[in-house]
C-alpha atoms as a PDB file:
ATOM      1  CA  MET A   1     116.138  46.345 144.799  1.00  0.00           C
ATOM      2  CA  ASP A   2     113.226  44.304 144.390  1.00  0.00           C
ATOM      3  CA  TRP A   3     110.420  44.392 141.969  1.00  0.00           C
ATOM      4  CA  ASN A   4     107.956  46.781 143.955  1.00  0.00           C
ATOM      5  CA  GLN A   5     110.977  49.241 144.479  1.00  0.00           C
ATOM      6  CA  ILE A   6     111.129  49.044 140.301  1.00  0.00           C
ATOM      7  CA  LEU A   7     107.605  49.330 139.781  1.00  0.00           C
ATOM      8  CA  ILE A   8     107.461  52.330 142.150  1.00  0.00           C
ATOM      9  CA  ALA A   9     110.159  54.020 140.295  1.00  0.00           C
ATOM     10  CA  ILE A  10     109.174  53.333 136.983  1.00  0.00           C
ATOM     11  CA  THR A  11     105.492  54.774 138.095  1.00  0.00           C
ATOM     12  CA  ALA A  12     107.394  57.732 139.432  1.00  0.00           C
ATOM     13  CA  ILE A  13     109.059  58.673 136.153  1.00  0.00           C
ATOM     14  CA  ALA A  14     106.315  58.041 134.279  1.00  0.00           C
ATOM     15  CA  ALA A  15     104.166  60.234 136.137  1.00  0.00           C
ATOM     16  CA  LEU A  16     106.838  63.013 136.168  1.00  0.00           C
ATOM     17  CA  TRP A  17     106.717  63.191 132.222  1.00  0.00           C
ATOM     18  CA  ALA A  18     103.185  62.958 132.225  1.00  0.00           C
ATOM     19  CA  ALA A  19     103.570  66.089 134.252  1.00  0.00           C
ATOM     20  CA  ILE A  20     106.273  67.527 131.753  1.00  0.00           C
ATOM     21  CA  LEU A  21     103.934  66.883 128.467  1.00  0.00           C
ATOM     22  CA  SER A  22     100.746  68.201 130.611  1.00  0.00           C
ATOM     23  CA  SER A  23     102.859  71.734 131.025  1.00  0.00           C
ATOM     24  CA  VAL A  24     104.404  71.713 127.879  1.00  0.00           C
ATOM     25  CA  ASN A  25     100.827  71.352 126.021  1.00  0.00           C
ATOM     26  CA  PHE A  26      99.398  74.073 128.110  1.00  0.00           C
ATOM     27  CA  ILE A  27     101.926  76.238 127.725  1.00  0.00           C
ATOM     28  CA  THR A  28     102.232  75.934 123.857  1.00  0.00           C
ATOM     29  CA  LYS A  29      97.948  76.379 123.972  1.00  0.00           C
ATOM     30  CA  ARG A  30      98.183  79.254 125.574  1.00  0.00           C
ATOM     31  CA  HIS A  31     100.551  81.139 123.530  1.00  0.00           C
ATOM     32  CA  GLN A  32      98.622  79.685 120.477  1.00  0.00           C
ATOM     33  CA  GLU A  33      95.208  81.208 121.924  1.00  0.00           C
ATOM     34  CA  ARG A  34      96.289  84.391 123.225  1.00  0.00           C
ATOM     35  CA  ALA A  35      95.358  88.097 121.081  1.00  0.00           C
ATOM     36  CA  LYS A  36      97.361  88.616 118.288  1.00  0.00           C
ATOM     37  CA  VAL A  37      97.695  91.770 116.163  1.00  0.00           C
ATOM     38  CA  LYS A  38      99.364  92.287 113.108  1.00  0.00           C
ATOM     39  CA  VAL A  39     100.857  95.325 111.692  1.00  0.00           C
ATOM     40  CA  LYS A  40     101.139  96.825 108.259  1.00  0.00           C
ATOM     41  CA  LEU A  41     102.525  99.928 107.229  1.00  0.00           C
ATOM     42  CA  GLN A  42     102.082 101.274 103.661  1.00  0.00           C
ATOM     43  CA  THR A  43     102.024 104.997 101.869  1.00  0.00           C
ATOM     44  CA  GLN A  44      98.587 106.348 100.443  1.00  0.00           C
ATOM     45  CA  MET A  45      97.522 109.419  98.849  1.00  0.00           C
ATOM     46  CA  LEU A  46      93.639 109.647  98.911  1.00  0.00           C
ATOM     47  CA  THR A  47      91.735 110.565  95.855  1.00  0.00           C
ATOM     48  CA  TRP A  48      89.444 113.383  95.018  1.00  0.00           C
ATOM     49  CA  GLY A  49      88.246 112.873  91.553  1.00  0.00           C
ATOM     50  CA  PRO A  50      91.293 114.317  89.669  1.00  0.00           C
ATOM     51  CA  GLN A  51      92.876 115.461  93.066  1.00  0.00           C
ATOM     52  CA  VAL A  52      95.524 113.873  94.783  1.00  0.00           C
ATOM     53  CA  GLY A  53      95.882 114.411  98.619  1.00  0.00           C
ATOM     54  CA  PRO A  54      98.886 114.541 100.461  1.00  0.00           C
ATOM     55  CA  ALA A  55     101.233 111.422 101.199  1.00  0.00           C
ATOM     56  CA  MET A  56     100.083 109.322 103.957  1.00  0.00           C
ATOM     57  CA  VAL A  57     101.128 106.271 106.443  1.00  0.00           C
ATOM     58  CA  ALA A  58      98.635 104.261 106.243  1.00  0.00           C
ATOM     59  CA  ILE A  59      98.808 101.426 109.315  1.00  0.00           C
ATOM     60  CA  THR A  60      96.052  98.447 109.510  1.00  0.00           C
ATOM     61  CA  ALA A  61      96.163  96.338 112.277  1.00  0.00           C
ATOM     62  CA  TYR A  62      94.639  92.880 111.724  1.00  0.00           C
ATOM     63  CA  ASN A  63      92.979  90.797 114.260  1.00  0.00           C
ATOM     64  CA  VAL A  64      94.481  87.307 113.781  1.00  0.00           C
ATOM     65  CA  SER A  65      93.876  85.673 117.024  1.00  0.00           C
ATOM     66  CA  LYS A  66      90.499  84.103 118.067  1.00  0.00           C
ATOM     67  CA  GLU A  67      90.369  86.842 120.948  1.00  0.00           C
ATOM     68  CA  VAL A  68      88.923  89.881 120.670  1.00  0.00           C
ATOM     69  CA  VAL A  69      91.508  92.855 121.038  1.00  0.00           C
ATOM     70  CA  PHE A  70      91.304  96.374 122.620  1.00  0.00           C
ATOM     71  CA  LEU A  71      93.129  98.935 121.163  1.00  0.00           C
ATOM     72  CA  SER A  72      92.944 102.087 123.247  1.00  0.00           C
ATOM     73  CA  SER A  73      94.920 104.553 121.435  1.00  0.00           C
ATOM     74  CA  PHE A  74      97.095 104.799 118.107  1.00  0.00           C
ATOM     75  CA  GLY A  75     101.359 105.040 118.288  1.00  0.00           C
ATOM     76  CA  LEU A  76     104.344 104.218 116.601  1.00  0.00           C
ATOM     77  CA  ARG A  77     107.348 102.986 118.493  1.00  0.00           C
ATOM     78  CA  LEU A  78     110.600 104.479 117.395  1.00  0.00           C
ATOM     79  CA  ALA A  79     113.944 102.829 117.189  1.00  0.00           C
ATOM     80  CA  ASP A  80     115.077 104.733 120.143  1.00  0.00           C
ATOM     81  CA  LYS A  81     112.295 103.309 122.283  1.00  0.00           C
ATOM     82  CA  ARG A  82     110.148 106.164 122.318  1.00  0.00           C
ATOM     83  CA  THR A  83     106.514 106.603 122.189  1.00  0.00           C
ATOM     84  CA  MET A  84     104.837 108.785 119.671  1.00  0.00           C
ATOM     85  CA  ILE A  85     100.855 109.084 120.849  1.00  0.00           C
ATOM     86  CA  PHE A  86      98.508 110.304 118.431  1.00  0.00           C
ATOM     87  CA  PRO A  87      95.291 111.018 120.170  1.00  0.00           C
ATOM     88  CA  ASN A  88      92.807 111.752 117.468  1.00  0.00           C
ATOM     89  CA  PRO A  89      94.244 110.057 113.947  1.00  0.00           C
ATOM     90  CA  GLN A  90      92.429 109.704 110.658  1.00  0.00           C
ATOM     91  CA  SER A  91      90.851 106.358 111.067  1.00  0.00           C
ATOM     92  CA  ASP A  92      87.813 104.221 110.418  1.00  0.00           C
ATOM     93  CA  VAL A  93      87.453 103.293 114.105  1.00  0.00           C
ATOM     94  CA  SER A  94      87.118 105.496 116.890  1.00  0.00           C
ATOM     95  CA  PHE A  95      89.705 104.630 119.966  1.00  0.00           C
ATOM     96  CA  PRO A  96      89.508 102.819 122.640  1.00  0.00           C
ATOM     97  CA  HIS A  97      88.195 100.051 119.895  1.00  0.00           C
ATOM     98  CA  LYS A  98      86.914  96.367 120.249  1.00  0.00           C
ATOM     99  CA  LEU A  99      88.528  94.777 117.362  1.00  0.00           C
ATOM    100  CA  LEU A 100      86.799  91.422 116.620  1.00  0.00           C
ATOM    101  CA  PRO A 101      88.712  88.402 115.695  1.00  0.00           C
ATOM    102  CA  GLY A 102      89.265  87.921 111.690  1.00  0.00           C
ATOM    103  CA  THR A 103      88.633  91.837 111.725  1.00  0.00           C
ATOM    104  CA  ASN A 104      90.649  94.833 111.180  1.00  0.00           C
ATOM    105  CA  CYS A 105      91.159  98.626 111.406  1.00  0.00           C
ATOM    106  CA  ASN A 106      92.764 101.211 109.565  1.00  0.00           C
ATOM    107  CA  VAL A 107      94.941 104.655 110.566  1.00  0.00           C
ATOM    108  CA  ARG A 108      96.122 107.544 108.683  1.00  0.00           C
ATOM    109  CA  ILE A 109      98.483 110.204 109.225  1.00  0.00           C
ATOM    110  CA  GLU A 110     100.138 112.691 106.965  1.00  0.00           C
ATOM    111  CA  TYR A 111     103.847 112.324 106.658  1.00  0.00           C
ATOM    112  CA  LYS A 112     104.010 116.190 106.712  1.00  0.00           C
ATOM    113  CA  ILE A 113     102.925 115.965 110.566  1.00  0.00           C
ATOM    114  CA  LEU A 114     104.939 112.922 111.357  1.00  0.00           C
ATOM    115  CA  ALA A 115     107.909 114.591 110.428  1.00  0.00           C
ATOM    116  CA  GLN A 116     106.812 117.944 112.548  1.00  0.00           C
ATOM    117  CA  GLU A 117     106.232 115.539 115.065  1.00  0.00           C
ATOM    118  CA  LEU A 118     109.816 113.713 115.147  1.00  0.00           C
ATOM    119  CA  GLY A 119     111.292 117.372 115.312  1.00  0.00           C
END
Protein backbone atom coordinates (compact mmCIF):
# COMPACT_ATOMS: atom_id res chain seq x y z
CA MET A 1 0.00 0.00 0.00
CA ASP A 2 1.36 3.41 -0.87
CA TRP A 3 0.87 6.68 1.04
CA ASN A 4 -1.90 7.81 -1.30
CA GLN A 5 -4.06 4.80 -0.45
CA ILE A 6 -3.35 5.22 3.27
CA LEU A 7 -4.39 8.90 3.15
CA ILE A 8 -7.57 7.99 1.24
CA ALA A 9 -8.42 5.33 3.83
CA ILE A 10 -7.78 7.75 6.73
CA THR A 11 -9.91 10.43 5.04
CA ALA A 12 -12.76 7.94 4.48
CA ILE A 13 -12.64 6.81 8.12
CA ALA A 14 -12.61 10.43 9.34
CA ALA A 15 -15.56 11.29 7.09
CA LEU A 16 -17.51 8.27 8.33
CA TRP A 17 -16.77 9.22 11.96
CA ALA A 18 -17.88 12.82 11.33
CA ALA A 19 -21.13 11.57 9.74
CA ILE A 20 -21.83 9.36 12.76
CA LEU A 21 -21.17 12.17 15.24
CA SER A 22 -23.31 14.57 13.23
CA SER A 23 -26.20 12.08 13.22
CA VAL A 24 -25.92 11.51 16.97
CA ASN A 25 -25.90 15.26 17.61
CA PHE A 26 -28.94 15.77 15.36
CA ILE A 27 -30.93 13.01 17.09
CA THR A 28 -29.96 14.29 20.56
CA LYS A 29 -30.95 17.86 19.70
CA ARG A 30 -34.32 16.76 18.25
CA HIS A 31 -35.03 14.72 21.37
CA GLN A 32 -34.25 17.68 23.64
CA GLU A 33 -36.36 20.12 21.61
CA ARG A 34 -39.49 18.00 21.16
CA ALA A 35 -42.63 18.86 23.07
CA LYS A 36 -42.71 17.51 26.62
CA VAL A 37 -45.55 17.57 29.11
CA LYS A 38 -45.18 16.55 32.75
CA VAL A 39 -48.31 15.53 34.62
CA LYS A 40 -48.94 15.78 38.37
CA LEU A 41 -51.86 14.17 40.20
CA GLN A 42 -53.05 15.15 43.67
CA THR A 43 -56.16 15.18 45.84
CA GLN A 44 -58.06 18.45 46.29
CA MET A 45 -61.11 19.62 48.16
CA LEU A 46 -62.48 22.99 47.15
CA THR A 47 -63.69 25.25 49.93
CA TRP A 48 -66.44 27.86 50.07
CA GLY A 49 -66.05 29.68 53.36
CA PRO A 50 -66.41 27.10 56.12
CA GLN A 51 -67.79 24.43 53.74
CA VAL A 52 -65.63 21.80 52.08
CA GLY A 53 -66.50 20.36 48.69
CA PRO A 54 -66.18 16.75 47.57
CA ALA A 55 -62.80 15.03 47.26
CA MET A 56 -61.40 15.38 43.76
CA VAL A 57 -58.44 14.17 41.81
CA ALA A 58 -56.60 17.22 40.44
CA ILE A 59 -54.42 16.79 37.39
CA THR A 60 -51.97 19.46 36.28
CA ALA A 61 -50.23 19.35 32.91
CA TYR A 62 -46.98 21.33 32.67
CA ASN A 63 -45.41 22.21 29.31
CA VAL A 64 -41.71 21.88 30.16
CA SER A 65 -40.51 22.20 26.56
CA LYS A 66 -39.81 25.14 24.30
CA GLU A 67 -42.56 24.06 21.89
CA VAL A 68 -46.30 24.78 21.96
CA VAL A 69 -48.33 21.70 22.93
CA PHE A 70 -51.94 21.19 21.83
CA LEU A 71 -54.11 19.27 24.29
CA SER A 72 -57.16 17.86 22.54
CA SER A 73 -59.01 16.44 25.55
CA PHE A 74 -58.64 15.09 29.07
CA GLY A 75 -58.40 11.41 29.78
CA LEU A 76 -56.75 8.77 31.90
CA ARG A 77 -54.89 5.69 30.70
CA LEU A 78 -55.60 2.79 33.04
CA ALA A 79 -53.19 0.02 34.03
CA ASP A 80 -54.97 -2.41 31.70
CA LYS A 81 -54.29 -0.01 28.76
CA ARG A 82 -57.92 1.19 28.54
CA THR A 83 -58.47 4.91 28.22
CA MET A 84 -61.17 6.92 29.98
CA ILE A 85 -62.08 10.20 28.26
CA PHE A 86 -63.91 12.96 30.16
CA PRO A 87 -65.34 15.33 27.53
CA ASN A 88 -66.31 18.15 29.92
CA PRO A 89 -64.09 18.06 33.00
CA GLN A 90 -63.89 20.88 35.54
CA SER A 91 -60.93 22.83 34.25
CA ASP A 92 -59.33 26.25 34.13
CA VAL A 93 -59.18 25.89 30.30
CA SER A 94 -61.42 24.59 27.55
CA PHE A 95 -60.35 21.82 25.20
CA PRO A 96 -58.77 21.76 22.72
CA HIS A 97 -56.21 23.96 24.45
CA LYS A 98 -52.93 25.51 23.29
CA LEU A 99 -50.43 25.05 26.13
CA LEU A 100 -47.63 27.55 25.71
CA PRO A 101 -44.05 26.79 26.81
CA GLY A 102 -43.61 27.16 30.57
CA THR A 103 -47.35 27.20 31.32
CA ASN A 104 -49.74 24.69 32.84
CA CYS A 105 -53.42 23.86 33.01
CA ASN A 106 -55.55 22.07 35.60
CA VAL A 107 -58.36 19.55 35.43
CA ARG A 108 -60.42 18.21 38.34
CA ILE A 109 -62.84 15.32 38.58
CA GLU A 110 -64.67 14.11 41.66
CA TYR A 111 -63.53 10.76 42.99
CA LYS A 112 -67.21 9.73 43.11
CA ILE A 113 -67.56 10.29 39.35
CA LEU A 114 -64.27 8.57 38.67
CA ALA A 115 -65.39 5.54 40.71
CA GLN A 116 -68.70 5.39 38.80
CA GLU A 117 -66.88 5.46 35.47
CA LEU A 118 -64.56 2.67 36.58
CA GLY A 119 -67.69 0.63 37.34
